[in-house]
Every structure is written in structure tokens, then in C-alpha cells.
C-alpha atoms as a PDB file:
ATOM      1  CA  MET A   1       0.091   0.017   0.068  1.00  0.00           C
ATOM      2  CA  VAL A   2       0.980   3.629  -0.348  1.00  0.00           C
ATOM      3  CA  THR A   3       2.362   4.788   2.905  1.00  0.00           C
ATOM      4  CA  PRO A   4       0.930   7.940   4.557  1.00  0.00           C
ATOM      5  CA  ASN A   5       2.798  11.244   4.392  1.00  0.00           C
ATOM      6  CA  GLN A   6       5.452  12.020   6.967  1.00  0.00           C
ATOM      7  CA  MET A   7       3.593  13.401  10.044  1.00  0.00           C
ATOM      8  CA  GLY A   8       4.714  15.279  12.962  1.00  0.00           C
ATOM      9  CA  THR A   9       3.335  16.057  16.185  1.00  0.00           C
ATOM     10  CA  SER A  10       0.898  18.938  17.330  1.00  0.00           C
ATOM     11  CA  GLU A  11       2.574  21.920  18.775  1.00  0.00           C
ATOM     12  CA  ARG A  12       0.227  22.187  21.618  1.00  0.00           C
ATOM     13  CA  ASP A  13      -2.230  19.504  22.458  1.00  0.00           C
ATOM     14  CA  TYR A  14      -0.371  16.413  21.370  1.00  0.00           C
ATOM     15  CA  ALA A  15       2.760  17.581  22.685  1.00  0.00           C
ATOM     16  CA  ALA A  16       1.018  18.228  26.172  1.00  0.00           C
ATOM     17  CA  MET A  17      -0.577  14.715  26.186  1.00  0.00           C
ATOM     18  CA  ARG A  18       2.824  13.061  25.170  1.00  0.00           C
ATOM     19  CA  SER A  19       4.369  14.997  28.239  1.00  0.00           C
ATOM     20  CA  LYS A  20       2.105  13.178  30.517  1.00  0.00           C
ATOM     21  CA  THR A  21       2.808   9.743  28.920  1.00  0.00           C
ATOM     22  CA  PRO A  22       6.531   9.391  28.857  1.00  0.00           C
ATOM     23  CA  SER A  23       6.509   5.986  27.278  1.00  0.00           C
ATOM     24  CA  LEU A  24       4.658   4.546  24.284  1.00  0.00           C
ATOM     25  CA  PRO A  25       1.555   2.592  25.251  1.00  0.00           C
ATOM     26  CA  PRO A  26       2.412  -1.151  25.189  1.00  0.00           C
ATOM     27  CA  VAL A  27       0.581  -2.122  22.031  1.00  0.00           C
ATOM     28  CA  THR A  28       1.708   0.921  20.138  1.00  0.00           C
ATOM     29  CA  LYS A  29       5.244   0.202  20.986  1.00  0.00           C
ATOM     30  CA  TRP A  30       4.899  -3.506  19.979  1.00  0.00           C
ATOM     31  CA  LEU A  31       3.341  -2.630  16.573  1.00  0.00           C
ATOM     32  CA  ILE A  32       6.332  -0.763  15.937  1.00  0.00           C
ATOM     33  CA  ILE A  33       8.751  -3.257  16.985  1.00  0.00           C
ATOM     34  CA  VAL A  34       7.035  -6.396  15.421  1.00  0.00           C
ATOM     35  CA  ASN A  35       6.745  -4.327  11.872  1.00  0.00           C
ATOM     36  CA  LEU A  36      10.433  -3.461  11.969  1.00  0.00           C
ATOM     37  CA  VAL A  37      11.560  -6.885  13.040  1.00  0.00           C
ATOM     38  CA  ILE A  38       9.623  -8.696  10.296  1.00  0.00           C
ATOM     39  CA  PHE A  39      10.807  -6.313   7.750  1.00  0.00           C
ATOM     40  CA  PHE A  40      14.624  -6.697   8.695  1.00  0.00           C
ATOM     41  CA  VAL A  41      14.343 -10.662   9.197  1.00  0.00           C
ATOM     42  CA  ASP A  42      12.530 -10.861   5.686  1.00  0.00           C
ATOM     43  CA  LEU A  43      15.084  -8.650   3.895  1.00  0.00           C
ATOM     44  CA  PHE A  44      17.974 -11.002   5.663  1.00  0.00           C
ATOM     45  CA  LEU A  45      16.419 -14.172   4.381  1.00  0.00           C
ATOM     46  CA  THR A  46      15.743 -12.575   0.860  1.00  0.00           C
ATOM     47  CA  LYS A  47      18.209 -14.410  -1.440  1.00  0.00           C
ATOM     48  CA  GLN A  48      20.157 -12.411  -3.995  1.00  0.00           C
ATOM     49  CA  GLY A  49      18.013 -11.970  -7.262  1.00  0.00           C
ATOM     50  CA  GLN A  50      14.799 -12.575  -5.438  1.00  0.00           C
ATOM     51  CA  GLU A  51      12.138  -9.864  -5.307  1.00  0.00           C
ATOM     52  CA  ARG A  52      10.206 -11.184  -2.433  1.00  0.00           C
ATOM     53  CA  GLY A  53      11.428 -12.590   0.748  1.00  0.00           C
ATOM     54  CA  PRO A  54      10.017 -15.695   2.213  1.00  0.00           C
ATOM     55  CA  ILE A  55       7.958 -14.015   4.823  1.00  0.00           C
ATOM     56  CA  LYS A  56       6.502 -11.706   2.364  1.00  0.00           C
ATOM     57  CA  ASP A  57       5.754 -14.439  -0.065  1.00  0.00           C
ATOM     58  CA  ALA A  58       3.926 -16.384   2.579  1.00  0.00           C
ATOM     59  CA  GLY A  59       2.016 -13.637   4.421  1.00  0.00           C
ATOM     60  CA  ALA A  60       0.985 -11.236   1.625  1.00  0.00           C
ATOM     61  CA  PHE A  61      -2.745 -10.973   0.975  1.00  0.00           C
ATOM     62  CA  ALA A  62      -4.034 -11.684  -2.487  1.00  0.00           C
ATOM     63  CA  ILE A  63      -7.633 -12.407  -3.414  1.00  0.00           C
ATOM     64  CA  GLN A  64      -6.792 -16.025  -4.831  1.00  0.00           C
ATOM     65  CA  SER A  65      -5.056 -17.051  -1.644  1.00  0.00           C
ATOM     66  CA  GLY A  66      -6.779 -15.162   1.069  1.00  0.00           C
ATOM     67  CA  ILE A  67     -10.111 -15.833  -0.263  1.00  0.00           C
ATOM     68  CA  LEU A  68     -10.561 -18.190  -2.848  1.00  0.00           C
ATOM     69  CA  ASP A  69      -8.016 -20.778  -1.475  1.00  0.00           C
ATOM     70  CA  GLY A  70      -9.224 -20.125   2.120  1.00  0.00           C
ATOM     71  CA  GLN A  71      -6.019 -18.833   3.660  1.00  0.00           C
ATOM     72  CA  VAL A  72      -8.178 -16.179   5.663  1.00  0.00           C
ATOM     73  CA  TRP A  73      -5.132 -15.478   8.102  1.00  0.00           C
ATOM     74  CA  LYS A  74      -3.744 -13.391   5.367  1.00  0.00           C
ATOM     75  CA  PHE A  75      -6.065 -10.823   6.318  1.00  0.00           C
ATOM     76  CA  LEU A  76      -4.032 -10.259   9.430  1.00  0.00           C
ATOM     77  CA  THR A  77      -0.548 -11.272   8.337  1.00  0.00           C
ATOM     78  CA  PHE A  78      -0.285  -8.729   5.447  1.00  0.00           C
ATOM     79  CA  GLN A  79      -0.487  -5.920   7.804  1.00  0.00           C
ATOM     80  CA  PHE A  80       2.901  -6.596   9.153  1.00  0.00           C
ATOM     81  CA  ILE A  81       4.883  -7.086   5.684  1.00  0.00           C
ATOM     82  CA  HIS A  82       6.338  -4.050   4.008  1.00  0.00           C
ATOM     83  CA  ASP A  83       7.925  -3.509   0.399  1.00  0.00           C
ATOM     84  CA  SER A  84      10.748  -1.237   1.318  1.00  0.00           C
ATOM     85  CA  LEU A  85      12.587   0.589   4.122  1.00  0.00           C
ATOM     86  CA  GLY A  86      10.663   3.678   3.444  1.00  0.00           C
ATOM     87  CA  HIS A  87       7.427   1.920   3.374  1.00  0.00           C
ATOM     88  CA  VAL A  88       7.919   0.424   6.966  1.00  0.00           C
ATOM     89  CA  ALA A  89       9.654   3.683   8.321  1.00  0.00           C
ATOM     90  CA  PHE A  90       6.618   5.912   7.106  1.00  0.00           C
ATOM     91  CA  ASN A  91       3.919   3.484   8.500  1.00  0.00           C
ATOM     92  CA  CYS A  92       5.967   3.149  11.950  1.00  0.00           C
ATOM     93  CA  VAL A  93       5.997   7.061  12.025  1.00  0.00           C
ATOM     94  CA  GLY A  94       2.284   7.040  11.549  1.00  0.00           C
ATOM     95  CA  ILE A  95       1.788   4.382  14.386  1.00  0.00           C
ATOM     96  CA  TYR A  96       4.044   6.357  16.678  1.00  0.00           C
ATOM     97  CA  PHE A  97       2.327   9.807  16.439  1.00  0.00           C
ATOM     98  CA  PHE A  98      -1.301   8.547  16.476  1.00  0.00           C
ATOM     99  CA  GLY A  99      -1.446   5.192  17.867  1.00  0.00           C
ATOM    100  CA  PRO A 100      -1.021   6.583  21.452  1.00  0.00           C
ATOM    101  CA  TRP A 101      -4.052   8.638  20.943  1.00  0.00           C
ATOM    102  CA  MET A 102      -6.401   5.749  20.133  1.00  0.00           C
ATOM    103  CA  GLU A 103      -4.782   3.167  22.471  1.00  0.00           C
ATOM    104  CA  ASN A 104      -5.515   5.565  25.364  1.00  0.00           C
ATOM    105  CA  TRP A 105      -9.161   6.123  24.186  1.00  0.00           C
ATOM    106  CA  TRP A 106      -9.664   2.527  23.618  1.00  0.00           C
ATOM    107  CA  GLY A 107      -7.631   0.754  26.089  1.00  0.00           C
ATOM    108  CA  SER A 108      -4.852  -1.498  25.078  1.00  0.00           C
ATOM    109  CA  ARG A 109      -6.889  -4.850  24.292  1.00  0.00           C
ATOM    110  CA  ARG A 110      -9.758  -2.919  22.325  1.00  0.00           C
ATOM    111  CA  PHE A 111      -7.139  -0.908  20.439  1.00  0.00           C
ATOM    112  CA  SER A 112      -5.416  -4.188  19.258  1.00  0.00           C
ATOM    113  CA  ILE A 113      -8.745  -5.411  18.078  1.00  0.00           C
ATOM    114  CA  PHE A 114      -9.535  -1.996  16.284  1.00  0.00           C
ATOM    115  CA  TYR A 115      -6.317  -1.741  14.794  1.00  0.00           C
ATOM    116  CA  LEU A 116      -6.591  -5.345  13.197  1.00  0.00           C
ATOM    117  CA  LEU A 117      -9.978  -5.032  12.065  1.00  0.00           C
ATOM    118  CA  CYS A 118      -9.312  -1.647  10.292  1.00  0.00           C
ATOM    119  CA  GLY A 119      -6.369  -3.570   8.556  1.00  0.00           C
ATOM    120  CA  ALA A 120      -8.533  -6.407   7.742  1.00  0.00           C
ATOM    121  CA  ALA A 121     -11.152  -4.045   6.455  1.00  0.00           C
ATOM    122  CA  GLY A 122      -8.609  -2.724   3.843  1.00  0.00           C
ATOM    123  CA  ALA A 123      -8.159  -6.119   2.430  1.00  0.00           C
ATOM    124  CA  ALA A 124     -11.914  -6.726   2.406  1.00  0.00           C
ATOM    125  CA  PHE A 125     -12.861  -3.407   0.800  1.00  0.00           C
ATOM    126  CA  TYR A 126     -10.014  -3.971  -1.884  1.00  0.00           C
ATOM    127  CA  SER A 127     -11.341  -7.292  -2.689  1.00  0.00           C
ATOM    128  CA  LEU A 128     -14.930  -5.993  -2.885  1.00  0.00           C
ATOM    129  CA  LEU A 129     -14.026  -3.453  -5.737  1.00  0.00           C
ATOM    130  CA  VAL A 130     -12.319  -6.208  -7.511  1.00  0.00           C
ATOM    131  CA  PHE A 131     -15.202  -8.487  -7.358  1.00  0.00           C
ATOM    132  CA  ILE A 132     -17.598  -5.753  -8.554  1.00  0.00           C
ATOM    133  CA  ARG A 133     -15.067  -4.986 -11.230  1.00  0.00           C
ATOM    134  CA  PHE A 134     -14.543  -1.461 -10.085  1.00  0.00           C
ATOM    135  CA  LEU A 135     -10.898  -2.359 -10.127  1.00  0.00           C
ATOM    136  CA  PRO A 136      -8.950  -4.552 -12.408  1.00  0.00           C
ATOM    137  CA  ASP A 137      -9.677  -8.193 -12.205  1.00  0.00           C
ATOM    138  CA  ASP A 138      -6.464  -9.283 -10.505  1.00  0.00           C
ATOM    139  CA  TYR A 139      -6.664 -12.166  -8.167  1.00  0.00           C
ATOM    140  CA  GLN A 140      -2.813 -12.720  -7.792  1.00  0.00           C
ATOM    141  CA  THR A 141      -1.275  -9.308  -6.726  1.00  0.00           C
ATOM    142  CA  GLY A 142      -0.052  -9.185  -3.347  1.00  0.00           C
ATOM    143  CA  LEU A 143      -1.294  -6.423  -0.763  1.00  0.00           C
ATOM    144  CA  VAL A 144       0.940  -5.560   1.974  1.00  0.00           C
ATOM    145  CA  GLY A 145       1.511  -2.966   4.763  1.00  0.00           C
ATOM    146  CA  ALA A 146       0.121  -1.414   7.758  1.00  0.00           C
ATOM    147  CA  SER A 147      -1.437   1.368   5.955  1.00  0.00           C
ATOM    148  CA  ALA A 148      -5.120   0.380   6.261  1.00  0.00           C
ATOM    149  CA  GLY A 149      -4.816   0.012  10.090  1.00  0.00           C
ATOM    150  CA  ILE A 150      -3.117   3.469  10.319  1.00  0.00           C
ATOM    151  CA  TYR A 151      -5.888   5.066   8.337  1.00  0.00           C
ATOM    152  CA  GLY A 152      -8.233   3.745  10.753  1.00  0.00           C
ATOM    153  CA  ILE A 153      -6.383   5.315  13.510  1.00  0.00           C
ATOM    154  CA  LEU A 154      -6.071   8.510  11.579  1.00  0.00           C
ATOM    155  CA  ILE A 155      -9.876   8.842  10.931  1.00  0.00           C
ATOM    156  CA  GLY A 156     -10.567   7.780  14.621  1.00  0.00           C
ATOM    157  CA  VAL A 157      -8.356  10.554  16.125  1.00  0.00           C
ATOM    158  CA  ALA A 158     -10.099  13.021  13.523  1.00  0.00           C
ATOM    159  CA  VAL A 159     -13.418  11.879  14.908  1.00  0.00           C
ATOM    160  CA  ILE A 160     -12.704  12.305  18.662  1.00  0.00           C
ATOM    161  CA  ALA A 161     -10.108  15.292  18.403  1.00  0.00           C
ATOM    162  CA  PRO A 162     -11.080  17.068  15.169  1.00  0.00           C
ATOM    163  CA  ASN A 163      -9.251  20.272  16.066  1.00  0.00           C
ATOM    164  CA  LEU A 164      -5.884  18.755  17.051  1.00  0.00           C
ATOM    165  CA  ARG A 165      -3.254  20.453  15.110  1.00  0.00           C
ATOM    166  CA  VAL A 166      -0.542  18.560  13.052  1.00  0.00           C
ATOM    167  CA  ARG A 167       2.527  19.990  11.429  1.00  0.00           C
ATOM    168  CA  LEU A 168       3.461  18.062   8.230  1.00  0.00           C
ATOM    169  CA  LEU A 169       7.176  17.624   7.323  1.00  0.00           C
ATOM    170  CA  ILE A 170       6.557  17.539   3.598  1.00  0.00           C
ATOM    171  CA  PRO A 171       4.776  20.021   2.917  1.00  0.00           C
ATOM    172  CA  PRO A 172       6.024  22.016   5.963  1.00  0.00           C
ATOM    173  CA  VAL A 173       2.284  23.192   6.845  1.00  0.00           C
ATOM    174  CA  GLU A 174       0.118  23.079   9.781  1.00  0.00           C
ATOM    175  CA  LEU A 175      -3.441  21.996   9.746  1.00  0.00           C
ATOM    176  CA  SER A 176      -6.179  20.412  11.987  1.00  0.00           C
ATOM    177  CA  ILE A 177      -6.411  16.510  11.949  1.00  0.00           C
ATOM    178  CA  ARG A 178      -9.735  16.744  10.566  1.00  0.00           C
ATOM    179  CA  THR A 179      -8.438  18.565   7.349  1.00  0.00           C
ATOM    180  CA  MET A 180      -5.657  16.237   7.099  1.00  0.00           C
ATOM    181  CA  ALA A 181      -8.049  13.342   7.301  1.00  0.00           C
ATOM    182  CA  MET A 182     -10.326  14.713   4.496  1.00  0.00           C
ATOM    183  CA  LEU A 183      -7.168  15.430   2.215  1.00  0.00           C
ATOM    184  CA  VAL A 184      -5.907  11.858   2.444  1.00  0.00           C
ATOM    185  CA  LEU A 185      -9.145  10.527   1.817  1.00  0.00           C
ATOM    186  CA  GLY A 186      -9.631  12.616  -1.062  1.00  0.00           C
ATOM    187  CA  ILE A 187      -6.403  11.645  -2.602  1.00  0.00           C
ATOM    188  CA  ALA A 188      -7.457   8.013  -2.146  1.00  0.00           C
ATOM    189  CA  VAL A 189     -10.791   8.631  -3.852  1.00  0.00           C
ATOM    190  CA  VAL A 190      -9.252  10.485  -6.749  1.00  0.00           C
ATOM    191  CA  SER A 191      -6.606   8.013  -7.175  1.00  0.00           C
ATOM    192  CA  ILE A 192      -8.997   4.986  -7.364  1.00  0.00           C
ATOM    193  CA  LEU A 193     -11.411   6.974  -9.838  1.00  0.00           C
ATOM    194  CA  LEU A 194      -8.804   8.436 -12.157  1.00  0.00           C
ATOM    195  CA  GLY A 195      -6.259   5.717 -11.779  1.00  0.00           C
ATOM    196  CA  LEU A 196      -3.530   7.726 -10.549  1.00  0.00           C
ATOM    197  CA  GLY A 197      -0.020   6.563  -9.314  1.00  0.00           C
ATOM    198  CA  GLY A 198      -0.576   3.022 -10.246  1.00  0.00           C
ATOM    199  CA  ASN A 199      -1.717   2.006  -6.673  1.00  0.00           C
ATOM    200  CA  GLU A 200      -5.596   1.777  -6.789  1.00  0.00           C
ATOM    201  CA  GLY A 201      -5.583  -1.384  -4.854  1.00  0.00           C
ATOM    202  CA  GLY A 202      -3.544   0.060  -1.948  1.00  0.00           C
ATOM    203  CA  GLU A 203      -5.721   3.331  -1.986  1.00  0.00           C
ATOM    204  CA  ALA A 204      -8.621   0.983  -1.888  1.00  0.00           C
ATOM    205  CA  GLY A 205      -7.240  -0.711   1.321  1.00  0.00           C
ATOM    206  CA  HIS A 206      -6.648   2.902   2.819  1.00  0.00           C
ATOM    207  CA  LEU A 207     -10.290   3.487   2.471  1.00  0.00           C
ATOM    208  CA  GLY A 208     -11.518   0.304   3.872  1.00  0.00           C
ATOM    209  CA  GLY A 209      -9.622   0.925   6.832  1.00  0.00           C
ATOM    210  CA  ALA A 210     -10.559   4.343   7.163  1.00  0.00           C
ATOM    211  CA  ILE A 211     -14.304   3.630   6.805  1.00  0.00           C
ATOM    212  CA  LEU A 212     -14.260   0.853   9.431  1.00  0.00           C
ATOM    213  CA  GLY A 213     -12.364   3.127  11.798  1.00  0.00           C
ATOM    214  CA  PHE A 214     -14.951   5.918  11.434  1.00  0.00           C
ATOM    215  CA  ILE A 215     -17.802   3.524  12.067  1.00  0.00           C
ATOM    216  CA  LEU A 216     -16.318   1.815  15.222  1.00  0.00           C
ATOM    217  CA  VAL A 217     -15.306   5.158  16.786  1.00  0.00           C
ATOM    218  CA  LYS A 218     -18.494   7.020  15.871  1.00  0.00           C
ATOM    219  CA  GLY A 219     -20.341   3.824  17.031  1.00  0.00           C
ATOM    220  CA  ARG A 220     -18.684   3.902  20.580  1.00  0.00           C
ATOM    221  CA  LEU A 221     -19.213   7.644  21.046  1.00  0.00           C
ATOM    222  CA  LEU A 222     -23.050   7.210  20.209  1.00  0.00           C
ATOM    223  CA  LEU A 223     -23.122   4.081  22.370  1.00  0.00           C
ATOM    224  CA  ALA A 224     -21.428   6.073  25.409  1.00  0.00           C
ATOM    225  CA  LYS A 225     -24.159   8.718  25.046  1.00  0.00           C
ATOM    226  CA  ARG A 226     -26.817   6.145  25.491  1.00  0.00           C
ATOM    227  CA  LYS A 227     -25.260   4.320  28.251  1.00  0.00           C
ATOM    228  CA  VAL A 228     -24.945   7.348  30.334  1.00  0.00           C
ATOM    229  CA  ALA A 229     -28.625   8.810  29.872  1.00  0.00           C
ATOM    230  CA  PRO A 230     -30.408   8.977  33.171  1.00  0.00           C
ATOM    231  CA  THR A 231     -32.479   6.087  34.157  1.00  0.00           C
ATOM    232  CA  ILE A 232     -35.686   6.836  36.366  1.00  0.00           C
ATOM    233  CA  ARG A 233     -37.709   4.158  37.665  1.00  0.00           C
ATOM    234  CA  ARG A 234     -40.893   5.037  39.532  1.00  0.00           C
ATOM    235  CA  ALA A 235     -42.295   2.371  42.039  1.00  0.00           C
ATOM    236  CA  ARG A 236     -46.152   2.073  42.019  1.00  0.00           C
ATOM    237  CA  PRO A 237     -47.715   3.119  45.257  1.00  0.00           C
ATOM    238  CA  SER A 238     -48.744   0.095  47.264  1.00  0.00           C
ATOM    239  CA  THR A 239     -52.342  -0.224  48.820  1.00  0.00           C
ATOM    240  CA  SER A 240     -51.477  -2.729  51.150  1.00  0.00           C
ATOM    241  CA  PRO A 241     -51.476  -2.127  55.168  1.00  0.00           C
ATOM    242  CA  GLN A 242     -47.752  -2.650  54.958  1.00  0.00           C
ATOM    243  CA  SER A 243     -47.724   0.625  52.830  1.00  0.00           C
ATOM    244  CA  TYR A 244     -47.963   2.721  56.009  1.00  0.00           C
ATOM    245  CA  GLY A 245     -45.016   1.261  57.724  1.00  0.00           C
ATOM    246  CA  GLU A 246     -41.421   0.421  56.618  1.00  0.00           C
ATOM    247  CA  PRO A 247     -41.502  -1.630  53.368  1.00  0.00           C
ATOM    248  CA  LYS A 248     -39.871  -4.976  53.386  1.00  0.00           C
ATOM    249  CA  LEU A 249     -38.328  -4.439  50.009  1.00  0.00           C
ATOM    250  CA  ARG A 250     -37.405  -1.084  48.976  1.00  0.00           C
ATOM    251  CA  PRO A 251     -38.123  -0.231  45.297  1.00  0.00           C
ATOM    252  CA  ARG A 252     -35.155  -0.134  42.852  1.00  0.00           C
ATOM    253  CA  THR A 253     -34.417   3.367  41.711  1.00  0.00           C
ATOM    254  CA  GLU A 254     -31.629   4.611  39.689  1.00  0.00           C
ATOM    255  CA  ILE A 255     -31.730   8.421  39.865  1.00  0.00           C
ATOM    256  CA  ASP A 256     -28.402  10.247  39.310  1.00  0.00           C
ATOM    257  CA  LEU A 257     -29.348  13.224  37.342  1.00  0.00           C
ATOM    258  CA  ALA A 258     -26.391  15.235  38.273  1.00  0.00           C
ATOM    259  CA  ALA A 259     -23.648  12.851  37.355  1.00  0.00           C
ATOM    260  CA  SER A 260     -25.607  12.205  34.073  1.00  0.00           C
ATOM    261  CA  SER A 261     -25.901  15.750  33.234  1.00  0.00           C
ATOM    262  CA  GLU A 262     -22.187  16.089  33.852  1.00  0.00           C
ATOM    263  CA  ILE A 263     -21.212  13.288  31.590  1.00  0.00           C
ATOM    264  CA  ASP A 264     -23.543  14.718  28.642  1.00  0.00           C
ATOM    265  CA  ARG A 265     -21.630  18.106  29.218  1.00  0.00           C
ATOM    266  CA  ILE A 266     -18.150  16.207  28.795  1.00  0.00           C
ATOM    267  CA  LEU A 267     -19.508  14.406  25.672  1.00  0.00           C
ATOM    268  CA  ASP A 268     -20.799  17.700  24.078  1.00  0.00           C
ATOM    269  CA  LYS A 269     -17.331  19.111  24.878  1.00  0.00           C
ATOM    270  CA  ILE A 270     -15.740  16.226  22.987  1.00  0.00           C
ATOM    271  CA  SER A 271     -18.199  16.967  20.163  1.00  0.00           C
ATOM    272  CA  GLN A 272     -17.461  20.614  19.755  1.00  0.00           C
ATOM    273  CA  HIS A 273     -13.666  21.051  20.828  1.00  0.00           C
ATOM    274  CA  GLY A 274     -12.242  17.250  20.678  1.00  0.00           C
ATOM    275  CA  PHE A 275     -10.942  14.939  23.241  1.00  0.00           C
ATOM    276  CA  GLN A 276      -7.748  16.800  23.961  1.00  0.00           C
ATOM    277  CA  SER A 277      -9.623  19.787  25.450  1.00  0.00           C
ATOM    278  CA  LEU A 278     -10.887  17.704  28.455  1.00  0.00           C
ATOM    279  CA  THR A 279      -9.224  18.280  31.857  1.00  0.00           C
ATOM    280  CA  ASP A 280      -7.748  15.352  33.781  1.00  0.00           C
ATOM    281  CA  GLU A 281     -10.625  15.275  36.190  1.00  0.00           C
ATOM    282  CA  GLU A 282     -13.164  15.203  33.150  1.00  0.00           C
ATOM    283  CA  ARG A 283     -11.364  12.453  31.569  1.00  0.00           C
ATOM    284  CA  GLY A 284     -11.320  10.516  34.957  1.00  0.00           C
ATOM    285  CA  LEU A 285     -15.234  11.041  35.395  1.00  0.00           C
ATOM    286  CA  LEU A 286     -15.756   9.844  31.622  1.00  0.00           C
ATOM    287  CA  ARG A 287     -13.457   6.808  32.223  1.00  0.00           C
ATOM    288  CA  LYS A 288     -15.328   5.898  35.507  1.00  0.00           C
ATOM    289  CA  ALA A 289     -18.774   6.097  33.790  1.00  0.00           C
ATOM    290  CA  SER A 290     -17.491   4.000  30.846  1.00  0.00           C
ATOM    291  CA  GLU A 291     -16.155   1.511  33.065  1.00  0.00           C
ATOM    292  CA  SER A 292     -19.292   1.288  35.555  1.00  0.00           C
ATOM    293  CA  HIS A 293     -21.595   0.855  32.345  1.00  0.00           C
ATOM    294  CA  SER A 294     -19.521  -1.804  30.552  1.00  0.00           C
ATOM    295  CA  SER A 295     -18.878  -4.017  33.611  1.00  0.00           C
END
């Protein structure tokens, strides 16, 4: 796949967040390590004159092998294989800068699932476009790279922190993460429609990862809003003689309007100003509310 542009950190919000987290979250760190190790091991094992190393040859996704021949594990393995040093380096840069955002937001276990699903969605979307003959009928070409998962992360960050400022290295401009996401998606769409760059399959993979990333993050935000909605249960008055004394069983009531109102305010703040605008106290309250409703 075509790798994302070289990306830098935010001058304000992202730098402040990273200062509070001196080390990379575990899954983000291991994704970078695994991608680099697999690339260099495959490069070492590649014999002179060969275009593909043994790992790339065995793990790359192709429609023929991954779907028609039933080797479904290639929906996952291709995400850890890269064509060149620049390919793996740029992808690791993307994981390094944006992975911590999504891992801190999802939690490590859910982030792992999110990342792999977005990567698999890239291969699935590419296959769909081939099956409906929107892309050339090629069942043998291999698909490799972490870009689909990274595009899922990128779009996810754009949803939860749309006003996050990002400074690109090439070209040297600063823009919001939402604007950047729209640009890279626009490039992918135009490349597919007009056949530019000769990597329509890779761009289709990018779109697949981005689409699923948007759906999963947006779905979680909507689910969180529904979960924290106030619940009020009213007990019917009893007409039995016992009603004038202390009841044996008190009616179940769940009335916490103050806490629910505060959560709604925090969610509105995220919608308007992004996740990075929250204070530590607001993040802690949101985390406690999420944990209490998911348990």
C-alpha cells in the first residue's frame, strides 16, 4: 500500500498529552517493533536476485490465496509486511504519532482489536472493488502494509479530536487533523477513480481501513451517550397495609441526574472541541462512567 505522508506532532495539544505519557503505550510500542523486526528478518532471508522474501511470499494478501484458497489468516499477516525501508519507516511514524491517542482512548486490548479489524477491512474493501469490477480483475497481486490500520487510527483521531493541530514535514504546513483526514481520503478516492499513481489497490485498502475506523469510533461515541443517559424508575404506590410502615423490600431506583448531566456536558465538549480539550478530572469521570456501564 502507499504509505501516509510523513507526519509530525501537534505543537500544543498532542505535545502536552505526550508529556504526560513518557513512554509509548504497550500495543503501540509492540506494533512498531514487530513491523520493523519482520521487515529486517525478511530482508535478511531474501536471497540475491529474489524480489520477495519468504515472509512476504507467505504472508502477503491476495484474493486468490486469502479468499478463494481459504487462507483467511492473510487478512492479518499482510498488515505486518512491507515492500521497502521507506514503506515500513513511514508506517511506523504514523503508528508512533497517532497510535497512543487511540490506544489511550480504547484501552490496549480494544485498541489491538480495532487496529487489526481496520487492517482486515482494507483487504476486504479492496477485494470487494475487484469482485464488482470497479478495480482490475487481478486475483494474484499481493497486498502488504500497515496503512489500512493506520488510516483507521487517523480517521478515529479526527473524530474524537477534530481540532488537533498537526504539522507536516512534507509539505511543511500546519493544519487540523480533520482537514488532514479529508485530504488523504480525497487523494485516495481521486487515485481510484482516475487511476493515478498505479496503486489503486493500495488506496482501496486505505479507504477500507478508514471507513471501518470511522464506524467503530463513531459507534462507540453514540453508544457511550446512550449508556450515560439518566434512568429513572418509579415504584407504584402500594395499597396494602404494609405501605404505611417500613416496606420489606425497597423499590429499585436509579436516579443520578447530576452525574448524567455532567457526562452529557463532557460529551458535548468532546463533540465541539475534541477529546484533547478535556481536563484530567473530566477524563477520569468519563473513564469511570464507561467502566461502570461496561461491567
